[in-house]
């Protein structure tokens, strides 16, 4: 059993209709690997981005929907990372 901790920067694209913003998102995620395979339901992650700057420049932005959209992007990127490293197969369920 090994715990893997990764720190990555992913980018979330926010389409506001009149412009598109690429938001850098720092993500720290960790998961367990047992015998070379990802252990389901072992993953946890933390998301960090400059929320105050977004609220300042885009005051009408709904923070709850932004957080949900960012979390969806982060989960998608983590899945891609795990697939690319061979920890999971295409059909595997990650627990999120």
C-alpha atoms as a PDB file:
ATOM      1  CA  UNK A   1       0.000   0.000   0.000  1.00  0.00           C
ATOM      2  CA  UNK A   2       1.328   3.402  -1.023  1.00  0.00           C
ATOM      3  CA  UNK A   3      -0.226   6.843  -0.718  1.00  0.00           C
ATOM      4  CA  UNK A   4       0.404   9.128  -3.672  1.00  0.00           C
ATOM      5  CA  UNK A   5       0.178  12.887  -3.199  1.00  0.00           C
ATOM      6  CA  UNK A   6       0.135  15.125  -6.264  1.00  0.00           C
ATOM      7  CA  UNK A   7       0.014  18.879  -6.684  1.00  0.00           C
ATOM      8  CA  UNK A   8      -1.115  20.098 -10.079  1.00  0.00           C
ATOM      9  CA  UNK A   9      -2.425  23.251 -11.703  1.00  0.00           C
ATOM     10  CA  UNK A  10      -5.483  22.700 -13.843  1.00  0.00           C
ATOM     11  CA  UNK A  11      -7.368  25.324 -15.820  1.00  0.00           C
ATOM     12  CA  UNK A  12     -11.092  25.905 -15.631  1.00  0.00           C
ATOM     13  CA  UNK A  13     -12.678  27.683 -18.598  1.00  0.00           C
ATOM     14  CA  UNK A  14     -15.469  30.021 -17.605  1.00  0.00           C
ATOM     15  CA  UNK A  15     -17.729  31.213 -20.416  1.00  0.00           C
ATOM     16  CA  UNK A  16     -19.496  34.422 -19.469  1.00  0.00           C
ATOM     17  CA  UNK A  17     -21.119  34.935 -22.849  1.00  0.00           C
ATOM     18  CA  UNK A  18     -19.261  38.140 -23.567  1.00  0.00           C
ATOM     19  CA  UNK A  19     -15.863  36.635 -22.745  1.00  0.00           C
ATOM     20  CA  UNK A  20     -14.110  33.425 -21.770  1.00  0.00           C
ATOM     21  CA  UNK A  21     -11.858  33.306 -18.751  1.00  0.00           C
ATOM     22  CA  UNK A  22      -9.228  30.678 -18.077  1.00  0.00           C
ATOM     23  CA  UNK A  23      -8.919  30.287 -14.314  1.00  0.00           C
ATOM     24  CA  UNK A  24      -5.827  28.547 -12.951  1.00  0.00           C
ATOM     25  CA  UNK A  25      -6.791  26.152 -10.173  1.00  0.00           C
ATOM     26  CA  UNK A  26      -4.230  24.635  -7.831  1.00  0.00           C
ATOM     27  CA  UNK A  27      -5.190  21.157  -6.785  1.00  0.00           C
ATOM     28  CA  UNK A  28      -3.644  18.868  -4.195  1.00  0.00           C
ATOM     29  CA  UNK A  29      -4.961  15.349  -4.375  1.00  0.00           C
ATOM     30  CA  UNK A  30      -4.000  12.124  -2.716  1.00  0.00           C
ATOM     31  CA  UNK A  31      -4.994   8.539  -3.182  1.00  0.00           C
ATOM     32  CA  UNK A  32      -3.986   5.028  -2.239  1.00  0.00           C
ATOM     33  CA  UNK A  33      -2.332   2.583  -4.617  1.00  0.00           C
ATOM     34  CA  UNK A  34      -2.315  -1.111  -3.762  1.00  0.00           C
ATOM     35  CA  UNK A  35      -0.449  -3.599  -5.950  1.00  0.00           C
ATOM     36  CA  UNK A  36      -0.234  -0.984  -8.702  1.00  0.00           C
ATOM     37  CA  UNK A  37      -3.956  -0.272  -8.751  1.00  0.00           C
ATOM     38  CA  UNK A  38      -5.947   2.705  -7.561  1.00  0.00           C
ATOM     39  CA  UNK A  39      -7.962   1.987  -4.401  1.00  0.00           C
ATOM     40  CA  UNK A  40     -11.506   3.175  -4.989  1.00  0.00           C
ATOM     41  CA  UNK A  41     -12.938   5.699  -2.532  1.00  0.00           C
ATOM     42  CA  UNK A  42      -9.450   6.590  -1.268  1.00  0.00           C
ATOM     43  CA  UNK A  43      -9.124   9.864  -3.144  1.00  0.00           C
ATOM     44  CA  UNK A  44      -9.330  13.289  -1.563  1.00  0.00           C
ATOM     45  CA  UNK A  45      -8.545  16.679  -3.033  1.00  0.00           C
ATOM     46  CA  UNK A  46      -8.265  20.351  -2.146  1.00  0.00           C
ATOM     47  CA  UNK A  47      -8.959  23.194  -4.574  1.00  0.00           C
ATOM     48  CA  UNK A  48      -7.355  26.611  -4.373  1.00  0.00           C
ATOM     49  CA  UNK A  49      -8.005  29.568  -6.676  1.00  0.00           C
ATOM     50  CA  UNK A  50      -8.113  33.356  -6.411  1.00  0.00           C
ATOM     51  CA  UNK A  51     -11.747  33.690  -5.476  1.00  0.00           C
ATOM     52  CA  UNK A  52     -11.499  37.301  -4.277  1.00  0.00           C
ATOM     53  CA  UNK A  53     -10.109  38.489  -7.614  1.00  0.00           C
ATOM     54  CA  UNK A  54     -12.940  36.788  -9.499  1.00  0.00           C
ATOM     55  CA  UNK A  55     -15.542  38.322  -7.196  1.00  0.00           C
ATOM     56  CA  UNK A  56     -13.931  41.736  -7.599  1.00  0.00           C
ATOM     57  CA  UNK A  57     -13.870  41.703 -11.414  1.00  0.00           C
ATOM     58  CA  UNK A  58     -17.125  39.777 -11.886  1.00  0.00           C
ATOM     59  CA  UNK A  59     -19.444  40.787  -9.016  1.00  0.00           C
ATOM     60  CA  UNK A  60     -22.488  39.073 -10.571  1.00  0.00           C
ATOM     61  CA  UNK A  61     -20.726  35.721 -10.660  1.00  0.00           C
ATOM     62  CA  UNK A  62     -22.518  33.086  -8.581  1.00  0.00           C
ATOM     63  CA  UNK A  63     -19.913  31.508  -6.330  1.00  0.00           C
ATOM     64  CA  UNK A  64     -21.898  28.315  -5.626  1.00  0.00           C
ATOM     65  CA  UNK A  65     -22.295  27.465  -9.307  1.00  0.00           C
ATOM     66  CA  UNK A  66     -18.656  28.400  -9.971  1.00  0.00           C
ATOM     67  CA  UNK A  67     -17.483  26.044  -7.220  1.00  0.00           C
ATOM     68  CA  UNK A  68     -19.598  23.189  -8.589  1.00  0.00           C
ATOM     69  CA  UNK A  69     -18.300  23.776 -12.122  1.00  0.00           C
ATOM     70  CA  UNK A  70     -14.699  23.943 -10.899  1.00  0.00           C
ATOM     71  CA  UNK A  71     -15.100  20.759  -8.902  1.00  0.00           C
ATOM     72  CA  UNK A  72     -16.457  19.024 -12.000  1.00  0.00           C
ATOM     73  CA  UNK A  73     -13.442  20.200 -14.024  1.00  0.00           C
ATOM     74  CA  UNK A  74     -11.019  19.087 -11.314  1.00  0.00           C
ATOM     75  CA  UNK A  75     -12.600  15.632 -11.075  1.00  0.00           C
ATOM     76  CA  UNK A  76     -12.390  15.260 -14.853  1.00  0.00           C
ATOM     77  CA  UNK A  77      -8.703  16.243 -14.822  1.00  0.00           C
ATOM     78  CA  UNK A  78      -7.925  13.868 -11.953  1.00  0.00           C
ATOM     79  CA  UNK A  79      -9.620  11.013 -13.842  1.00  0.00           C
ATOM     80  CA  UNK A  80      -7.510  11.844 -16.910  1.00  0.00           C
ATOM     81  CA  UNK A  81      -4.376  11.875 -14.768  1.00  0.00           C
ATOM     82  CA  UNK A  82      -5.177   8.487 -13.222  1.00  0.00           C
ATOM     83  CA  UNK A  83      -5.975   6.949 -16.624  1.00  0.00           C
ATOM     84  CA  UNK A  84      -2.788   8.329 -18.186  1.00  0.00           C
ATOM     85  CA  UNK A  85      -0.686   6.845 -15.357  1.00  0.00           C
ATOM     86  CA  UNK A  86      -2.384   3.463 -15.655  1.00  0.00           C
ATOM     87  CA  UNK A  87      -3.952   3.504 -12.185  1.00  0.00           C
ATOM     88  CA  UNK A  88      -7.482   3.093 -13.535  1.00  0.00           C
ATOM     89  CA  UNK A  89      -9.160   1.705 -16.609  1.00  0.00           C
ATOM     90  CA  UNK A  90     -11.676   3.529 -18.752  1.00  0.00           C
ATOM     91  CA  UNK A  91     -14.710   1.955 -17.069  1.00  0.00           C
ATOM     92  CA  UNK A  92     -13.522   2.289 -13.459  1.00  0.00           C
ATOM     93  CA  UNK A  93     -15.623   4.304 -11.016  1.00  0.00           C
ATOM     94  CA  UNK A  94     -13.624   6.583  -8.740  1.00  0.00           C
ATOM     95  CA  UNK A  95     -16.098   7.169  -5.969  1.00  0.00           C
ATOM     96  CA  UNK A  96     -16.935  10.694  -7.092  1.00  0.00           C
END
